[in-house]
């Protein structure tokens, strides 16, 4: 189920007019390898397998034209895909985890309480 969800989701991401170009410029490995890495990530999140080795916050911090609003697009696509690919109860858990991840990344990358506006 994780593999099916990851592959379907990143298929949508690659077609998205905003996220597709961001991912195309940011992914340094061939897509099959990236998809395997994302399967490991979600396996670690959902099944506690510890298969994922990486630093996702640092990786995302290197994306120069990433916008805070991109996380809402990512999450919407993820939610649509989860409910299309998974049983409703499982989809709800995936979406809950994805929401926490998106919020953590959004805060880690964009929250600046002392910034002058």
PDB file of N, CA and C in Angstrom:
ATOM      1  N   UNK A   1       0.828  -1.193   0.000  1.00  0.00           N
ATOM      2  CA  UNK A   1       0.000   0.000   0.000  1.00  0.00           C
ATOM      3  C   UNK A   1       0.871   1.255   0.000  1.00  0.00           C
ATOM      4  N   UNK A   2       1.948   1.229   0.777  1.00  0.00           N
ATOM      5  CA  UNK A   2       2.842   2.388   0.826  1.00  0.00           C
ATOM      6  C   UNK A   2       3.433   2.642  -0.557  1.00  0.00           C
ATOM      7  N   UNK A   3       3.897   1.594  -1.187  1.00  0.00           N
ATOM      8  CA  UNK A   3       4.498   1.745  -2.515  1.00  0.00           C
ATOM      9  C   UNK A   3       3.486   2.302  -3.512  1.00  0.00           C
ATOM     10  N   UNK A   4       2.282   1.774  -3.489  1.00  0.00           N
ATOM     11  CA  UNK A   4       1.233   2.244  -4.406  1.00  0.00           C
ATOM     12  C   UNK A   4       0.929   3.721  -4.149  1.00  0.00           C
ATOM     13  N   UNK A   5       0.799   4.102  -2.880  1.00  0.00           N
ATOM     14  CA  UNK A   5       0.510   5.490  -2.521  1.00  0.00           C
ATOM     15  C   UNK A   5       1.649   6.416  -2.952  1.00  0.00           C
ATOM     16  N   UNK A   6       2.871   6.057  -2.624  1.00  0.00           N
ATOM     17  CA  UNK A   6       4.024   6.904  -2.956  1.00  0.00           C
ATOM     18  C   UNK A   6       4.136   7.105  -4.461  1.00  0.00           C
ATOM     19  N   UNK A   7       4.019   6.033  -5.219  1.00  0.00           N
ATOM     20  CA  UNK A   7       4.151   6.146  -6.671  1.00  0.00           C
ATOM     21  C   UNK A   7       3.014   6.965  -7.278  1.00  0.00           C
ATOM     22  N   UNK A   8       1.796   6.756  -6.815  1.00  0.00           N
ATOM     23  CA  UNK A   8       0.668   7.536  -7.332  1.00  0.00           C
ATOM     24  C   UNK A   8       0.805   9.010  -6.946  1.00  0.00           C
ATOM     25  N   UNK A   9       1.198   9.264  -5.714  1.00  0.00           N
ATOM     26  CA  UNK A   9       1.336  10.637  -5.236  1.00  0.00           C
ATOM     27  C   UNK A   9       2.407  11.392  -6.029  1.00  0.00           C
ATOM     28  N   UNK A  10       3.585  10.797  -6.160  1.00  0.00           N
ATOM     29  CA  UNK A  10       4.643  11.505  -6.874  1.00  0.00           C
ATOM     30  C   UNK A  10       4.361  11.618  -8.360  1.00  0.00           C
ATOM     31  N   UNK A  11       3.525  10.744  -8.903  1.00  0.00           N
ATOM     32  CA  UNK A  11       3.053  10.934 -10.269  1.00  0.00           C
ATOM     33  C   UNK A  11       2.262  12.219 -10.383  1.00  0.00           C
ATOM     34  N   UNK A  12       1.411  12.480  -9.392  1.00  0.00           N
ATOM     35  CA  UNK A  12       0.631  13.727  -9.377  1.00  0.00           C
ATOM     36  C   UNK A  12       1.531  14.937  -9.133  1.00  0.00           C
ATOM     37  N   UNK A  13       2.496  14.787  -8.235  1.00  0.00           N
ATOM     38  CA  UNK A  13       3.418  15.886  -7.940  1.00  0.00           C
ATOM     39  C   UNK A  13       4.166  16.296  -9.204  1.00  0.00           C
ATOM     40  N   UNK A  14       4.637  15.327  -9.950  1.00  0.00           N
ATOM     41  CA  UNK A  14       5.415  15.627 -11.158  1.00  0.00           C
ATOM     42  C   UNK A  14       4.571  16.330 -12.216  1.00  0.00           C
ATOM     43  N   UNK A  15       3.255  16.117 -12.185  1.00  0.00           N
ATOM     44  CA  UNK A  15       2.354  16.767 -13.142  1.00  0.00           C
ATOM     45  C   UNK A  15       1.850  18.128 -12.662  1.00  0.00           C
ATOM     46  N   UNK A  16       2.011  18.424 -11.380  1.00  0.00           N
ATOM     47  CA  UNK A  16       1.498  19.671 -10.824  1.00  0.00           C
ATOM     48  C   UNK A  16       2.294  20.858 -11.382  1.00  0.00           C
ATOM     49  N   UNK A  17       1.595  21.931 -11.824  1.00  0.00           N
ATOM     50  CA  UNK A  17       2.302  23.061 -12.435  1.00  0.00           C
ATOM     51  C   UNK A  17       3.256  23.788 -11.486  1.00  0.00           C
ATOM     52  N   UNK A  18       3.013  23.759 -10.215  1.00  0.00           N
ATOM     53  CA  UNK A  18       3.916  24.411  -9.253  1.00  0.00           C
ATOM     54  C   UNK A  18       4.951  23.423  -8.691  1.00  0.00           C
ATOM     55  N   UNK A  19       4.471  22.282  -8.185  1.00  0.00           N
ATOM     56  CA  UNK A  19       5.381  21.350  -7.523  1.00  0.00           C
ATOM     57  C   UNK A  19       6.262  20.578  -8.496  1.00  0.00           C
ATOM     58  N   UNK A  20       5.744  20.271  -9.674  1.00  0.00           N
ATOM     59  CA  UNK A  20       6.520  19.506 -10.645  1.00  0.00           C
ATOM     60  C   UNK A  20       7.871  20.124 -10.934  1.00  0.00           C
ATOM     61  N   UNK A  21       7.918  21.401 -11.317  1.00  0.00           N
ATOM     62  CA  UNK A  21       9.223  22.034 -11.568  1.00  0.00           C
ATOM     63  C   UNK A  21      10.118  22.113 -10.326  1.00  0.00           C
ATOM     64  N   UNK A  22       9.520  22.322  -9.155  1.00  0.00           N
ATOM     65  CA  UNK A  22      10.318  22.352  -7.922  1.00  0.00           C
ATOM     66  C   UNK A  22      11.020  21.020  -7.705  1.00  0.00           C
ATOM     67  N   UNK A  23      10.260  19.937  -7.854  1.00  0.00           N
ATOM     68  CA  UNK A  23      10.842  18.620  -7.653  1.00  0.00           C
ATOM     69  C   UNK A  23      11.855  18.308  -8.747  1.00  0.00           C
ATOM     70  N   UNK A  24      11.558  18.675  -9.982  1.00  0.00           N
ATOM     71  CA  UNK A  24      12.466  18.385 -11.092  1.00  0.00           C
ATOM     72  C   UNK A  24      13.837  19.028 -10.868  1.00  0.00           C
ATOM     73  N   UNK A  25      13.851  20.237 -10.324  1.00  0.00           N
ATOM     74  CA  UNK A  25      15.130  20.918 -10.103  1.00  0.00           C
ATOM     75  C   UNK A  25      15.810  20.465  -8.814  1.00  0.00           C
ATOM     76  N   UNK A  26      15.061  19.857  -7.899  1.00  0.00           N
ATOM     77  CA  UNK A  26      15.599  19.549  -6.570  1.00  0.00           C
ATOM     78  C   UNK A  26      16.032  18.100  -6.383  1.00  0.00           C
ATOM     79  N   UNK A  27      15.458  17.196  -7.148  1.00  0.00           N
ATOM     80  CA  UNK A  27      15.783  15.783  -6.982  1.00  0.00           C
ATOM     81  C   UNK A  27      17.093  15.502  -7.705  1.00  0.00           C
ATOM     82  N   UNK A  28      18.106  15.109  -6.954  1.00  0.00           N
ATOM     83  CA  UNK A  28      19.430  14.900  -7.536  1.00  0.00           C
ATOM     84  C   UNK A  28      19.664  13.454  -7.968  1.00  0.00           C
ATOM     85  N   UNK A  29      18.761  12.573  -7.629  1.00  0.00           N
ATOM     86  CA  UNK A  29      18.915  11.167  -7.992  1.00  0.00           C
ATOM     87  C   UNK A  29      17.848  10.790  -9.015  1.00  0.00           C
ATOM     88  N   UNK A  30      18.022   9.696  -9.714  1.00  0.00           N
ATOM     89  CA  UNK A  30      16.971   9.259 -10.647  1.00  0.00           C
ATOM     90  C   UNK A  30      15.655   9.026  -9.898  1.00  0.00           C
ATOM     91  N   UNK A  31      14.533   9.276 -10.574  1.00  0.00           N
ATOM     92  CA  UNK A  31      13.228   9.162  -9.927  1.00  0.00           C
ATOM     93  C   UNK A  31      12.990   7.807  -9.282  1.00  0.00           C
ATOM     94  N   UNK A  32      13.341   6.695  -9.904  1.00  0.00           N
ATOM     95  CA  UNK A  32      13.114   5.408  -9.226  1.00  0.00           C
ATOM     96  C   UNK A  32      13.817   5.329  -7.868  1.00  0.00           C
ATOM     97  N   UNK A  33      15.027   5.869  -7.787  1.00  0.00           N
ATOM     98  CA  UNK A  33      15.742   5.881  -6.506  1.00  0.00           C
ATOM     99  C   UNK A  33      15.054   6.796  -5.497  1.00  0.00           C
ATOM    100  N   UNK A  34      14.577   7.940  -5.965  1.00  0.00           N
ATOM    101  CA  UNK A  34      13.869   8.849  -5.067  1.00  0.00           C
ATOM    102  C   UNK A  34      12.581   8.192  -4.553  1.00  0.00           C
ATOM    103  N   UNK A  35      11.863   7.527  -5.425  1.00  0.00           N
ATOM    104  CA  UNK A  35      10.637   6.849  -5.005  1.00  0.00           C
ATOM    105  C   UNK A  35      10.933   5.757  -3.983  1.00  0.00           C
ATOM    106  N   UNK A  36      12.016   5.018  -4.185  1.00  0.00           N
ATOM    107  CA  UNK A  36      12.407   4.010  -3.192  1.00  0.00           C
ATOM    108  C   UNK A  36      12.693   4.670  -1.847  1.00  0.00           C
ATOM    109  N   UNK A  37      13.365   5.811  -1.889  1.00  0.00           N
ATOM    110  CA  UNK A  37      13.684   6.539  -0.651  1.00  0.00           C
ATOM    111  C   UNK A  37      12.405   7.013   0.039  1.00  0.00           C
ATOM    112  N   UNK A  38      11.441   7.484  -0.747  1.00  0.00           N
ATOM    113  CA  UNK A  38      10.178   7.936  -0.170  1.00  0.00           C
ATOM    114  C   UNK A  38       9.363   6.765   0.374  1.00  0.00           C
ATOM    115  N   UNK A  39       9.463   5.616  -0.256  1.00  0.00           N
ATOM    116  CA  UNK A  39       8.816   4.415   0.297  1.00  0.00           C
ATOM    117  C   UNK A  39       9.447   4.063   1.650  1.00  0.00           C
ATOM    118  N   UNK A  40      10.773   4.163   1.735  1.00  0.00           N
ATOM    119  CA  UNK A  40      11.452   3.930   3.010  1.00  0.00           C
ATOM    120  C   UNK A  40      11.011   4.951   4.055  1.00  0.00           C
ATOM    121  N   UNK A  41      10.883   6.210   3.640  1.00  0.00           N
ATOM    122  CA  UNK A  41      10.440   7.265   4.557  1.00  0.00           C
ATOM    123  C   UNK A  41       9.067   6.927   5.141  1.00  0.00           C
ATOM    124  N   UNK A  42       8.112   6.622   4.262  1.00  0.00           N
ATOM    125  CA  UNK A  42       6.765   6.340   4.741  1.00  0.00           C
ATOM    126  C   UNK A  42       6.677   5.025   5.505  1.00  0.00           C
ATOM    127  N   UNK A  43       7.517   4.070   5.168  1.00  0.00           N
ATOM    128  CA  UNK A  43       7.588   2.839   5.938  1.00  0.00           C
ATOM    129  C   UNK A  43       8.069   3.141   7.360  1.00  0.00           C
ATOM    130  N   UNK A  44       9.045   4.027   7.468  1.00  0.00           N
ATOM    131  CA  UNK A  44       9.546   4.420   8.790  1.00  0.00           C
ATOM    132  C   UNK A  44       8.492   5.180   9.583  1.00  0.00           C
ATOM    133  N   UNK A  45       7.740   6.038   8.910  1.00  0.00           N
ATOM    134  CA  UNK A  45       6.703   6.829   9.584  1.00  0.00           C
ATOM    135  C   UNK A  45       5.538   5.947  10.031  1.00  0.00           C
ATOM    136  N   UNK A  46       5.049   5.133   9.109  1.00  0.00           N
ATOM    137  CA  UNK A  46       3.816   4.384   9.368  1.00  0.00           C
ATOM    138  C   UNK A  46       4.048   3.058  10.096  1.00  0.00           C
ATOM    139  N   UNK A  47       5.148   2.399   9.803  1.00  0.00           N
ATOM    140  CA  UNK A  47       5.376   1.063  10.349  1.00  0.00           C
ATOM    141  C   UNK A  47       6.542   0.998  11.330  1.00  0.00           C
ATOM    142  N   UNK A  48       7.185   2.141  11.561  1.00  0.00           N
ATOM    143  CA  UNK A  48       8.327   2.221  12.490  1.00  0.00           C
ATOM    144  C   UNK A  48       9.461   1.268  12.090  1.00  0.00           C
ATOM    145  N   UNK A  49       9.722   1.143  10.782  1.00  0.00           N
ATOM    146  CA  UNK A  49      10.735   0.206  10.299  1.00  0.00           C
ATOM    147  C   UNK A  49      12.155   0.751  10.384  1.00  0.00           C
ATOM    148  N   UNK A  50      12.304   2.047  10.517  1.00  0.00           N
ATOM    149  CA  UNK A  50      13.627   2.703  10.552  1.00  0.00           C
ATOM    150  C   UNK A  50      14.411   2.468   9.259  1.00  0.00           C
ATOM    151  N   UNK A  51      13.701   2.267   8.158  1.00  0.00           N
ATOM    152  CA  UNK A  51      14.362   2.051   6.871  1.00  0.00           C
ATOM    153  C   UNK A  51      14.893   3.353   6.276  1.00  0.00           C
ATOM    154  N   UNK A  52      14.314   4.473   6.645  1.00  0.00           N
ATOM    155  CA  UNK A  52      14.712   5.748   6.051  1.00  0.00           C
ATOM    156  C   UNK A  52      15.956   6.288   6.733  1.00  0.00           C
ATOM    157  N   UNK A  53      16.911   6.669   5.903  1.00  0.00           N
ATOM    158  CA  UNK A  53      18.124   7.327   6.376  1.00  0.00           C
ATOM    159  C   UNK A  53      18.238   8.640   5.616  1.00  0.00           C
ATOM    160  N   UNK A  54      18.131   9.723   6.306  1.00  0.00           N
ATOM    161  CA  UNK A  54      18.227  11.005   5.632  1.00  0.00           C
ATOM    162  C   UNK A  54      17.905  12.142   6.570  1.00  0.00           C
ATOM    163  N   UNK A  55      18.047  13.341   6.025  1.00  0.00           N
ATOM    164  CA  UNK A  55      17.764  14.565   6.779  1.00  0.00           C
ATOM    165  C   UNK A  55      16.812  15.413   5.941  1.00  0.00           C
ATOM    166  N   UNK A  56      15.521  15.113   6.002  1.00  0.00           N
ATOM    167  CA  UNK A  56      14.579  15.787   5.104  1.00  0.00           C
ATOM    168  C   UNK A  56      14.481  17.298   5.312  1.00  0.00           C
ATOM    169  N   UNK A  57      14.600  17.775   6.536  1.00  0.00           N
ATOM    170  CA  UNK A  57      14.513  19.221   6.747  1.00  0.00           C
ATOM    171  C   UNK A  57      15.677  19.924   6.056  1.00  0.00           C
ATOM    172  N   UNK A  58      16.865  19.409   6.226  1.00  0.00           N
ATOM    173  CA  UNK A  58      18.037  20.013   5.586  1.00  0.00           C
ATOM    174  C   UNK A  58      17.921  19.944   4.067  1.00  0.00           C
ATOM    175  N   UNK A  59      17.405  18.851   3.568  1.00  0.00           N
ATOM    176  CA  UNK A  59      17.230  18.698   2.122  1.00  0.00           C
ATOM    177  C   UNK A  59      16.255  19.737   1.590  1.00  0.00           C
ATOM    178  N   UNK A  60      15.137  19.924   2.274  1.00  0.00           N
ATOM    179  CA  UNK A  60      14.144  20.895   1.825  1.00  0.00           C
ATOM    180  C   UNK A  60      14.631  22.334   1.992  1.00  0.00           C
ATOM    181  N   UNK A  61      15.484  22.581   2.969  1.00  0.00           N
ATOM    182  CA  UNK A  61      16.020  23.930   3.184  1.00  0.00           C
ATOM    183  C   UNK A  61      16.890  24.388   2.016  1.00  0.00           C
ATOM    184  N   UNK A  62      17.414  23.456   1.237  1.00  0.00           N
ATOM    185  CA  UNK A  62      18.274  23.793   0.101  1.00  0.00           C
ATOM    186  C   UNK A  62      17.483  24.211  -1.137  1.00  0.00           C
ATOM    187  N   UNK A  63      16.169  24.025  -1.118  1.00  0.00           N
ATOM    188  CA  UNK A  63      15.348  24.373  -2.280  1.00  0.00           C
ATOM    189  C   UNK A  63      15.147  25.881  -2.267  1.00  0.00           C
ATOM    190  N   UNK A  64      15.755  26.573  -3.204  1.00  0.00           N
ATOM    191  CA  UNK A  64      15.820  28.032  -3.153  1.00  0.00           C
ATOM    192  C   UNK A  64      14.481  28.718  -3.400  1.00  0.00           C
ATOM    193  N   UNK A  65      13.634  28.197  -4.235  1.00  0.00           N
ATOM    194  CA  UNK A  65      12.375  28.894  -4.526  1.00  0.00           C
ATOM    195  C   UNK A  65      11.159  28.193  -3.931  1.00  0.00           C
ATOM    196  N   UNK A  66      11.361  27.445  -2.861  1.00  0.00           N
ATOM    197  CA  UNK A  66      10.265  26.821  -2.136  1.00  0.00           C
ATOM    198  C   UNK A  66       9.487  27.900  -1.390  1.00  0.00           C
ATOM    199  N   UNK A  67       8.168  27.868  -1.518  1.00  0.00           N
ATOM    200  CA  UNK A  67       7.307  28.843  -0.841  1.00  0.00           C
ATOM    201  C   UNK A  67       6.488  28.145   0.236  1.00  0.00           C
ATOM    202  N   UNK A  68       6.135  28.905   1.235  1.00  0.00           N
ATOM    203  CA  UNK A  68       5.321  28.360   2.318  1.00  0.00           C
ATOM    204  C   UNK A  68       4.020  27.754   1.784  1.00  0.00           C
ATOM    205  N   UNK A  69       3.439  28.388   0.796  1.00  0.00           N
ATOM    206  CA  UNK A  69       2.175  27.912   0.219  1.00  0.00           C
ATOM    207  C   UNK A  69       2.319  26.575  -0.514  1.00  0.00           C
ATOM    208  N   UNK A  70       3.532  26.188  -0.861  1.00  0.00           N
ATOM    209  CA  UNK A  70       3.740  24.910  -1.545  1.00  0.00           C
ATOM    210  C   UNK A  70       3.335  23.727  -0.672  1.00  0.00           C
ATOM    211  N   UNK A  71       3.424  23.886   0.633  1.00  0.00           N
ATOM    212  CA  UNK A  71       3.064  22.787   1.527  1.00  0.00           C
ATOM    213  C   UNK A  71       1.567  22.497   1.493  1.00  0.00           C
ATOM    214  N   UNK A  72       0.758  23.507   1.279  1.00  0.00           N
ATOM    215  CA  UNK A  72      -0.697  23.291   1.151  1.00  0.00           C
ATOM    216  C   UNK A  72      -1.009  22.512  -0.123  1.00  0.00           C
ATOM    217  N   UNK A  73      -0.302  22.815  -1.197  1.00  0.00           N
ATOM    218  CA  UNK A  73      -0.485  22.083  -2.457  1.00  0.00           C
ATOM    219  C   UNK A  73      -0.072  20.630  -2.258  1.00  0.00           C
ATOM    220  N   UNK A  74       1.096  20.427  -1.669  1.00  0.00           N
ATOM    221  CA  UNK A  74       1.617  19.094  -1.404  1.00  0.00           C
ATOM    222  C   UNK A  74       0.616  18.280  -0.588  1.00  0.00           C
ATOM    223  N   UNK A  75       0.112  18.902   0.475  1.00  0.00           N
ATOM    224  CA  UNK A  75      -0.807  18.197   1.364  1.00  0.00           C
ATOM    225  C   UNK A  75      -2.126  17.875   0.669  1.00  0.00           C
ATOM    226  N   UNK A  76      -2.640  18.786  -0.131  1.00  0.00           N
ATOM    227  CA  UNK A  76      -3.887  18.524  -0.867  1.00  0.00           C
ATOM    228  C   UNK A  76      -3.715  17.352  -1.823  1.00  0.00           C
ATOM    229  N   UNK A  77      -2.619  17.338  -2.567  1.00  0.00           N
ATOM    230  CA  UNK A  77      -2.356  16.219  -3.479  1.00  0.00           C
ATOM    231  C   UNK A  77      -2.183  14.910  -2.715  1.00  0.00           C
ATOM    232  N   UNK A  78      -1.505  14.989  -1.580  1.00  0.00           N
ATOM    233  CA  UNK A  78      -1.294  13.780  -0.779  1.00  0.00           C
ATOM    234  C   UNK A  78      -2.626  13.242  -0.263  1.00  0.00           C
ATOM    235  N   UNK A  79      -3.461  14.126   0.246  1.00  0.00           N
ATOM    236  CA  UNK A  79      -4.758  13.697   0.777  1.00  0.00           C
ATOM    237  C   UNK A  79      -5.613  13.061  -0.319  1.00  0.00           C
ATOM    238  N   UNK A  80      -5.686  13.709  -1.472  1.00  0.00           N
ATOM    239  CA  UNK A  80      -6.453  13.147  -2.592  1.00  0.00           C
ATOM    240  C   UNK A  80      -5.948  11.755  -2.949  1.00  0.00           C
ATOM    241  N   UNK A  81      -4.645  11.617  -3.014  1.00  0.00           N
ATOM    242  CA  UNK A  81      -4.047  10.345  -3.408  1.00  0.00           C
ATOM    243  C   UNK A  81      -4.255   9.280  -2.337  1.00  0.00           C
ATOM    244  N   UNK A  82      -4.082   9.653  -1.087  1.00  0.00           N
ATOM    245  CA  UNK A  82      -4.269   8.687   0.001  1.00  0.00           C
ATOM    246  C   UNK A  82      -5.680   8.110  -0.012  1.00  0.00           C
ATOM    247  N   UNK A  83      -6.677   8.970  -0.172  1.00  0.00           N
ATOM    248  CA  UNK A  83      -8.062   8.478  -0.169  1.00  0.00           C
ATOM    249  C   UNK A  83      -8.408   7.720  -1.449  1.00  0.00           C
ATOM    250  N   UNK A  84      -7.667   7.958  -2.527  1.00  0.00           N
ATOM    251  CA  UNK A  84      -7.891   7.206  -3.762  1.00  0.00           C
ATOM    252  C   UNK A  84      -7.214   5.836  -3.714  1.00  0.00           C
ATOM    253  N   UNK A  85      -6.106   5.727  -2.994  1.00  0.00           N
ATOM    254  CA  UNK A  85      -5.287   4.517  -3.026  1.00  0.00           C
ATOM    255  C   UNK A  85      -5.420   3.612  -1.803  1.00  0.00           C
ATOM    256  N   UNK A  86      -5.954   4.127  -0.707  1.00  0.00           N
ATOM    257  CA  UNK A  86      -5.960   3.376   0.553  1.00  0.00           C
ATOM    258  C   UNK A  86      -7.381   3.240   1.094  1.00  0.00           C
ATOM    259  N   UNK A  87      -7.617   2.229   1.922  1.00  0.00           N
ATOM    260  CA  UNK A  87      -8.892   2.178   2.631  1.00  0.00           C
ATOM    261  C   UNK A  87      -9.049   3.440   3.488  1.00  0.00           C
ATOM    262  N   UNK A  88     -10.278   3.903   3.686  1.00  0.00           N
ATOM    263  CA  UNK A  88     -10.491   5.177   4.388  1.00  0.00           C
ATOM    264  C   UNK A  88      -9.783   5.301   5.739  1.00  0.00           C
ATOM    265  N   UNK A  89      -9.802   4.261   6.555  1.00  0.00           N
ATOM    266  CA  UNK A  89      -9.153   4.348   7.869  1.00  0.00           C
ATOM    267  C   UNK A  89      -7.642   4.524   7.725  1.00  0.00           C
ATOM    268  N   UNK A  90      -7.041   3.812   6.797  1.00  0.00           N
ATOM    269  CA  UNK A  90      -5.597   3.955   6.553  1.00  0.00           C
ATOM    270  C   UNK A  90      -5.288   5.322   5.952  1.00  0.00           C
ATOM    271  N   UNK A  91      -6.108   5.750   5.009  1.00  0.00           N
ATOM    272  CA  UNK A  91      -5.903   7.057   4.393  1.00  0.00           C
ATOM    273  C   UNK A  91      -5.917   8.152   5.450  1.00  0.00           C
ATOM    274  N   UNK A  92      -6.840   8.056   6.384  1.00  0.00           N
ATOM    275  CA  UNK A  92      -6.936   9.066   7.442  1.00  0.00           C
ATOM    276  C   UNK A  92      -5.652   9.127   8.263  1.00  0.00           C
ATOM    277  N   UNK A  93      -5.053   7.990   8.537  1.00  0.00           N
ATOM    278  CA  UNK A  93      -3.801   7.956   9.305  1.00  0.00           C
ATOM    279  C   UNK A  93      -2.661   8.542   8.485  1.00  0.00           C
ATOM    280  N   UNK A  94      -2.576   8.167   7.217  1.00  0.00           N
ATOM    281  CA  UNK A  94      -1.561   8.758   6.341  1.00  0.00           C
ATOM    282  C   UNK A  94      -1.699  10.276   6.302  1.00  0.00           C
ATOM    283  N   UNK A  95      -2.916  10.758   6.133  1.00  0.00           N
ATOM    284  CA  UNK A  95      -3.151  12.203   6.019  1.00  0.00           C
ATOM    285  C   UNK A  95      -2.810  12.908   7.333  1.00  0.00           C
ATOM    286  N   UNK A  96      -3.139  12.292   8.449  1.00  0.00           N
ATOM    287  CA  UNK A  96      -2.787  12.881   9.748  1.00  0.00           C
ATOM    288  C   UNK A  96      -1.272  13.023   9.873  1.00  0.00           C
ATOM    289  N   UNK A  97      -0.547  11.972   9.526  1.00  0.00           N
ATOM    290  CA  UNK A  97       0.922  12.023   9.587  1.00  0.00           C
ATOM    291  C   UNK A  97       1.468  13.056   8.599  1.00  0.00           C
ATOM    292  N   UNK A  98       0.929  13.065   7.385  1.00  0.00           N
ATOM    293  CA  UNK A  98       1.382  14.026   6.370  1.00  0.00           C
ATOM    294  C   UNK A  98       1.128  15.462   6.825  1.00  0.00           C
ATOM    295  N   UNK A  99       0.006  15.699   7.474  1.00  0.00           N
ATOM    296  CA  UNK A  99      -0.308  17.036   7.979  1.00  0.00           C
ATOM    297  C   UNK A  99       0.714  17.486   9.018  1.00  0.00           C
ATOM    298  N   UNK A 100       1.087  16.565   9.902  1.00  0.00           N
ATOM    299  CA  UNK A 100       2.087  16.896  10.917  1.00  0.00           C
ATOM    300  C   UNK A 100       3.451  17.165  10.271  1.00  0.00           C
ATOM    301  N   UNK A 101       3.800  16.372   9.276  1.00  0.00           N
ATOM    302  CA  UNK A 101       5.069  16.555   8.573  1.00  0.00           C
ATOM    303  C   UNK A 101       5.081  17.897   7.854  1.00  0.00           C
ATOM    304  N   UNK A 102       4.007  18.193   7.128  1.00  0.00           N
ATOM    305  CA  UNK A 102       3.932  19.462   6.395  1.00  0.00           C
ATOM    306  C   UNK A 102       4.026  20.646   7.347  1.00  0.00           C
ATOM    307  N   UNK A 103       3.333  20.573   8.466  1.00  0.00           N
ATOM    308  CA  UNK A 103       3.380  21.675   9.427  1.00  0.00           C
ATOM    309  C   UNK A 103       4.774  21.812  10.035  1.00  0.00           C
ATOM    310  N   UNK A 104       5.404  20.694  10.340  1.00  0.00           N
ATOM    311  CA  UNK A 104       6.756  20.736  10.884  1.00  0.00           C
ATOM    312  C   UNK A 104       7.732  21.362   9.892  1.00  0.00           C
ATOM    313  N   UNK A 105       7.652  20.958   8.630  1.00  0.00           N
ATOM    314  CA  UNK A 105       8.516  21.536   7.615  1.00  0.00           C
ATOM    315  C   UNK A 105       8.206  23.014   7.417  1.00  0.00           C
ATOM    316  N   UNK A 106       6.938  23.351   7.355  1.00  0.00           N
ATOM    317  CA  UNK A 106       6.545  24.743   7.149  1.00  0.00           C
ATOM    318  C   UNK A 106       7.107  25.617   8.269  1.00  0.00           C
ATOM    319  N   UNK A 107       6.937  25.177   9.500  1.00  0.00           N
ATOM    320  CA  UNK A 107       7.449  25.953  10.629  1.00  0.00           C
ATOM    321  C   UNK A 107       8.974  25.993  10.636  1.00  0.00           C
ATOM    322  N   UNK A 108       9.591  24.854  10.376  1.00  0.00           N
ATOM    323  CA  UNK A 108      11.052  24.793  10.379  1.00  0.00           C
ATOM    324  C   UNK A 108      11.693  25.652   9.306  1.00  0.00           C
ATOM    325  N   UNK A 109      11.016  25.782   8.187  1.00  0.00           N
ATOM    326  CA  UNK A 109      11.595  26.516   7.065  1.00  0.00           C
ATOM    327  C   UNK A 109      11.157  27.979   6.982  1.00  0.00           C
ATOM    328  N   UNK A 110       9.987  28.303   7.529  1.00  0.00           N
ATOM    329  CA  UNK A 110       9.447  29.647   7.294  1.00  0.00           C
ATOM    330  C   UNK A 110       9.083  30.435   8.547  1.00  0.00           C
ATOM    331  N   UNK A 111       8.977  29.815   9.699  1.00  0.00           N
ATOM    332  CA  UNK A 111       8.568  30.543  10.902  1.00  0.00           C
ATOM    333  C   UNK A 111       9.735  31.372  11.415  1.00  0.00           C
ATOM    334  N   UNK A 112       9.549  32.654  11.434  1.00  0.00           N
ATOM    335  CA  UNK A 112      10.571  33.595  11.906  1.00  0.00           C
ATOM    336  C   UNK A 112       9.899  34.605  12.843  1.00  0.00           C
ATOM    337  N   UNK A 113       9.776  34.279  14.135  1.00  0.00           N
ATOM    338  CA  UNK A 113       9.028  35.163  15.045  1.00  0.00           C
ATOM    339  C   UNK A 113       9.654  36.530  15.222  1.00  0.00           C
ATOM    340  N   UNK A 114      10.938  36.659  15.007  1.00  0.00           N
ATOM    341  CA  UNK A 114      11.606  37.943  15.213  1.00  0.00           C
ATOM    342  C   UNK A 114      11.826  38.713  13.924  1.00  0.00           C
ATOM    343  N   UNK A 115      11.291  38.192  12.830  1.00  0.00           N
ATOM    344  CA  UNK A 115      11.475  38.862  11.537  1.00  0.00           C
ATOM    345  C   UNK A 115      10.650  40.141  11.492  1.00  0.00           C
ATOM    346  N   UNK A 116      11.213  41.149  10.859  1.00  0.00           N
ATOM    347  CA  UNK A 116      10.516  42.413  10.677  1.00  0.00           C
ATOM    348  C   UNK A 116       9.681  42.310   9.407  1.00  0.00           C
ATOM    349  N   UNK A 117       8.407  42.613   9.514  1.00  0.00           N
ATOM    350  CA  UNK A 117       7.502  42.527   8.343  1.00  0.00           C
ATOM    351  C   UNK A 117       7.278  43.876   7.747  1.00  0.00           C
TER     352      UNK A 117
END
